[in-house]
Amino acid sequence: MALDAPEFALTPEQSEALAGATANVLACYDVGVSKKNAAWIELLMCAGGIYGGKVMAVSIRKRRARAMAAQIRAQEQAQTNAPFAVHQ
């Protein structure tokens, strides 16, 4: 599961920012949007700001791992198909 990735761990500062934004959402908006909807919007924006970079880090790590595995498979395949060396 993607959320099990270490890149999703929050720093204390990120946790505080997310919690603060979540709490502030309930009181900050007095517009045509209900407080409940405004709270969800702010929460999603805050979480997106925090997790957006983390999602990219996971994607990059997995892409590199796949590339490394493909390279290893290609090297193993090349060794398997190489003619046996003749010792003199």
N, C-alpha and C. Protein backbone atom coordinates (compact mmCIF):
# COMPACT_ATOMS: atom_id res chain seq x y z
N MET A 1 0.84 -1.18 0.00
CA MET A 1 0.00 0.00 0.00
C MET A 1 0.89 1.24 0.00
N ALA A 2 0.54 2.24 -0.76
CA ALA A 2 1.36 3.44 -0.92
C ALA A 2 1.56 4.18 0.39
N LEU A 3 0.58 4.19 1.27
CA LEU A 3 0.71 4.94 2.51
C LEU A 3 1.68 4.29 3.49
N ASP A 4 2.13 3.08 3.21
CA ASP A 4 3.13 2.42 4.04
C ASP A 4 4.53 2.90 3.72
N ALA A 5 4.68 3.74 2.71
CA ALA A 5 5.99 4.20 2.27
C ALA A 5 6.58 5.16 3.30
N PRO A 6 7.87 5.05 3.57
CA PRO A 6 8.50 5.93 4.56
C PRO A 6 8.42 7.40 4.17
N GLU A 7 8.27 7.70 2.89
CA GLU A 7 8.18 9.09 2.46
C GLU A 7 6.92 9.79 3.00
N PHE A 8 5.95 9.02 3.46
CA PHE A 8 4.72 9.62 3.98
C PHE A 8 4.80 9.98 5.46
N ALA A 9 5.90 9.69 6.10
CA ALA A 9 6.05 10.08 7.50
C ALA A 9 6.07 11.60 7.60
N LEU A 10 5.33 12.15 8.56
CA LEU A 10 5.26 13.59 8.74
C LEU A 10 6.28 14.07 9.76
N THR A 11 6.86 15.22 9.49
CA THR A 11 7.71 15.86 10.48
C THR A 11 6.80 16.50 11.53
N PRO A 12 7.33 16.81 12.69
CA PRO A 12 6.50 17.50 13.69
C PRO A 12 5.92 18.81 13.15
N GLU A 13 6.70 19.53 12.35
CA GLU A 13 6.23 20.78 11.78
C GLU A 13 5.06 20.55 10.82
N GLN A 14 5.16 19.50 9.99
CA GLN A 14 4.08 19.19 9.06
C GLN A 14 2.83 18.74 9.80
N SER A 15 3.02 17.95 10.84
CA SER A 15 1.88 17.50 11.64
C SER A 15 1.18 18.69 12.28
N GLU A 16 1.96 19.61 12.80
CA GLU A 16 1.39 20.80 13.43
C GLU A 16 0.65 21.66 12.41
N ALA A 17 1.24 21.82 11.22
CA ALA A 17 0.59 22.61 10.17
C ALA A 17 -0.73 21.98 9.75
N LEU A 18 -0.72 20.66 9.58
CA LEU A 18 -1.94 19.96 9.18
C LEU A 18 -3.02 20.06 10.25
N ALA A 19 -2.63 19.86 11.50
CA ALA A 19 -3.59 19.95 12.60
C ALA A 19 -4.12 21.37 12.75
N GLY A 20 -3.24 22.36 12.63
CA GLY A 20 -3.67 23.75 12.74
C GLY A 20 -4.62 24.15 11.63
N ALA A 21 -4.31 23.74 10.42
CA ALA A 21 -5.18 24.06 9.29
C ALA A 21 -6.54 23.38 9.45
N THR A 22 -6.51 22.16 9.93
CA THR A 22 -7.77 21.44 10.14
C THR A 22 -8.63 22.15 11.18
N ALA A 23 -8.01 22.59 12.27
CA ALA A 23 -8.75 23.29 13.33
C ALA A 23 -9.24 24.65 12.85
N ASN A 24 -8.42 25.37 12.12
CA ASN A 24 -8.79 26.70 11.65
C ASN A 24 -9.92 26.69 10.63
N VAL A 25 -10.02 25.61 9.91
CA VAL A 25 -11.05 25.51 8.88
C VAL A 25 -12.44 25.74 9.46
N LEU A 26 -12.68 25.27 10.64
CA LEU A 26 -14.00 25.36 11.23
C LEU A 26 -14.43 26.80 11.49
N ALA A 27 -13.49 27.72 11.65
CA ALA A 27 -13.85 29.08 12.04
C ALA A 27 -13.47 30.16 11.02
N CYS A 28 -12.73 29.84 10.02
CA CYS A 28 -12.15 30.87 9.15
C CYS A 28 -13.04 31.36 8.01
N TYR A 29 -13.97 30.61 7.56
CA TYR A 29 -14.69 30.98 6.36
C TYR A 29 -16.13 31.34 6.66
N ASP A 30 -16.48 32.56 6.31
CA ASP A 30 -17.86 33.00 6.43
C ASP A 30 -18.29 33.51 5.05
N VAL A 31 -18.33 32.61 4.11
CA VAL A 31 -18.73 32.94 2.74
C VAL A 31 -19.89 32.04 2.35
N GLY A 32 -20.21 32.01 1.08
CA GLY A 32 -21.34 31.22 0.61
C GLY A 32 -21.13 29.72 0.72
N VAL A 33 -19.99 29.31 1.18
CA VAL A 33 -19.68 27.89 1.35
C VAL A 33 -19.96 27.55 2.81
N SER A 34 -20.58 26.40 3.02
CA SER A 34 -20.83 26.00 4.40
C SER A 34 -19.50 25.79 5.13
N LYS A 35 -19.52 25.95 6.43
CA LYS A 35 -18.30 25.74 7.21
C LYS A 35 -17.76 24.33 7.02
N LYS A 36 -18.66 23.39 6.90
CA LYS A 36 -18.24 22.00 6.72
C LYS A 36 -17.49 21.85 5.39
N ASN A 37 -18.05 22.39 4.31
CA ASN A 37 -17.38 22.29 3.00
C ASN A 37 -16.08 23.07 2.99
N ALA A 38 -16.07 24.24 3.60
CA ALA A 38 -14.84 25.04 3.67
C ALA A 38 -13.76 24.30 4.44
N ALA A 39 -14.17 23.62 5.50
CA ALA A 39 -13.21 22.85 6.30
C ALA A 39 -12.58 21.75 5.46
N TRP A 40 -13.39 21.06 4.69
CA TRP A 40 -12.86 19.99 3.83
C TRP A 40 -11.91 20.56 2.77
N ILE A 41 -12.26 21.70 2.22
CA ILE A 41 -11.41 22.31 1.19
C ILE A 41 -10.04 22.65 1.77
N GLU A 42 -10.03 23.30 2.93
CA GLU A 42 -8.74 23.67 3.54
C GLU A 42 -7.93 22.45 3.94
N LEU A 43 -8.62 21.45 4.48
CA LEU A 43 -7.93 20.22 4.85
C LEU A 43 -7.29 19.57 3.63
N LEU A 44 -8.03 19.48 2.54
CA LEU A 44 -7.49 18.86 1.32
C LEU A 44 -6.33 19.67 0.75
N MET A 45 -6.43 20.99 0.81
CA MET A 45 -5.34 21.82 0.31
C MET A 45 -4.09 21.64 1.17
N CYS A 46 -4.26 21.61 2.47
CA CYS A 46 -3.12 21.43 3.36
C CYS A 46 -2.49 20.05 3.16
N ALA A 47 -3.34 19.03 3.15
CA ALA A 47 -2.83 17.66 2.96
C ALA A 47 -2.16 17.52 1.60
N GLY A 48 -2.74 18.13 0.57
CA GLY A 48 -2.13 18.09 -0.76
C GLY A 48 -0.76 18.73 -0.78
N GLY A 49 -0.63 19.84 -0.07
CA GLY A 49 0.67 20.50 0.01
C GLY A 49 1.71 19.65 0.71
N ILE A 50 1.28 18.94 1.73
CA ILE A 50 2.20 18.10 2.49
C ILE A 50 2.52 16.81 1.73
N TYR A 51 1.49 16.14 1.25
CA TYR A 51 1.68 14.82 0.66
C TYR A 51 2.06 14.85 -0.82
N GLY A 52 1.85 15.97 -1.51
CA GLY A 52 2.19 16.04 -2.93
C GLY A 52 3.64 15.68 -3.21
N GLY A 53 4.53 16.29 -2.46
CA GLY A 53 5.95 15.99 -2.63
C GLY A 53 6.30 14.58 -2.22
N LYS A 54 5.61 14.08 -1.23
CA LYS A 54 5.87 12.72 -0.76
C LYS A 54 5.42 11.68 -1.81
N VAL A 55 4.31 11.95 -2.46
CA VAL A 55 3.85 11.06 -3.53
C VAL A 55 4.88 11.02 -4.66
N MET A 56 5.43 12.18 -4.99
CA MET A 56 6.46 12.23 -6.03
C MET A 56 7.70 11.45 -5.61
N ALA A 57 8.09 11.56 -4.34
CA ALA A 57 9.27 10.83 -3.85
C ALA A 57 9.06 9.32 -3.95
N VAL A 58 7.88 8.85 -3.60
CA VAL A 58 7.57 7.42 -3.70
C VAL A 58 7.63 6.99 -5.16
N SER A 59 7.04 7.79 -6.05
CA SER A 59 7.04 7.47 -7.47
C SER A 59 8.46 7.38 -8.02
N ILE A 60 9.30 8.32 -7.66
CA ILE A 60 10.69 8.32 -8.13
C ILE A 60 11.44 7.11 -7.58
N ARG A 61 11.25 6.82 -6.29
CA ARG A 61 11.94 5.66 -5.69
C ARG A 61 11.53 4.37 -6.38
N LYS A 62 10.23 4.20 -6.62
CA LYS A 62 9.76 2.96 -7.26
C LYS A 62 10.23 2.87 -8.71
N ARG A 63 10.25 4.00 -9.41
CA ARG A 63 10.72 4.00 -10.80
C ARG A 63 12.19 3.60 -10.85
N ARG A 64 12.99 4.13 -9.93
CA ARG A 64 14.41 3.77 -9.89
C ARG A 64 14.60 2.30 -9.55
N ALA A 65 13.80 1.78 -8.64
CA ALA A 65 13.90 0.37 -8.27
C ALA A 65 13.55 -0.52 -9.46
N ARG A 66 12.51 -0.15 -10.22
CA ARG A 66 12.15 -0.94 -11.41
C ARG A 66 13.26 -0.89 -12.45
N ALA A 67 13.85 0.29 -12.64
CA ALA A 67 14.94 0.43 -13.61
C ALA A 67 16.15 -0.40 -13.20
N MET A 68 16.46 -0.40 -11.91
CA MET A 68 17.59 -1.18 -11.41
C MET A 68 17.31 -2.67 -11.59
N ALA A 69 16.10 -3.11 -11.30
CA ALA A 69 15.75 -4.52 -11.46
C ALA A 69 15.84 -4.93 -12.94
N ALA A 70 15.38 -4.05 -13.82
CA ALA A 70 15.45 -4.35 -15.26
C ALA A 70 16.90 -4.44 -15.72
N GLN A 71 17.75 -3.57 -15.20
CA GLN A 71 19.16 -3.59 -15.55
C GLN A 71 19.81 -4.89 -15.07
N ILE A 72 19.49 -5.31 -13.87
CA ILE A 72 20.04 -6.55 -13.32
C ILE A 72 19.57 -7.74 -14.15
N ARG A 73 18.27 -7.76 -14.50
CA ARG A 73 17.75 -8.86 -15.34
C ARG A 73 18.46 -8.89 -16.69
N ALA A 74 18.71 -7.72 -17.28
CA ALA A 74 19.39 -7.67 -18.57
C ALA A 74 20.81 -8.19 -18.46
N GLN A 75 21.50 -7.84 -17.38
CA GLN A 75 22.86 -8.33 -17.18
C GLN A 75 22.87 -9.84 -16.98
N GLU A 76 21.92 -10.34 -16.20
CA GLU A 76 21.83 -11.79 -15.99
C GLU A 76 21.52 -12.51 -17.29
N GLN A 77 20.64 -11.93 -18.09
CA GLN A 77 20.28 -12.53 -19.39
C GLN A 77 21.49 -12.54 -20.31
N ALA A 78 22.27 -11.45 -20.30
CA ALA A 78 23.46 -11.38 -21.14
C ALA A 78 24.49 -12.43 -20.72
N GLN A 79 24.62 -12.64 -19.42
CA GLN A 79 25.57 -13.64 -18.93
C GLN A 79 25.10 -15.05 -19.29
N THR A 80 23.80 -15.27 -19.25
CA THR A 80 23.25 -16.59 -19.59
C THR A 80 23.44 -16.89 -21.06
N ASN A 81 23.31 -15.89 -21.91
CA ASN A 81 23.42 -16.08 -23.35
C ASN A 81 24.86 -15.98 -23.86
N ALA A 82 25.81 -15.57 -23.04
CA ALA A 82 27.19 -15.44 -23.46
C ALA A 82 27.81 -16.82 -23.65
N PRO A 83 28.65 -16.95 -24.67
CA PRO A 83 29.32 -18.25 -24.86
C PRO A 83 30.31 -18.50 -23.72
N PHE A 84 30.52 -19.75 -23.44
CA PHE A 84 31.44 -20.11 -22.36
C PHE A 84 32.85 -19.70 -22.73
N ALA A 85 33.53 -19.18 -21.76
CA ALA A 85 34.91 -18.77 -21.98
C ALA A 85 35.80 -20.01 -22.09
N VAL A 86 36.73 -19.96 -22.99
CA VAL A 86 37.66 -21.08 -23.18
C VAL A 86 38.92 -20.77 -22.41
N HIS A 87 39.29 -21.64 -21.50
CA HIS A 87 40.50 -21.45 -20.73
C HIS A 87 41.66 -22.16 -21.42
N GLN A 88 42.79 -21.53 -21.46
CA GLN A 88 43.96 -22.14 -22.11
C GLN A 88 44.94 -22.61 -21.09
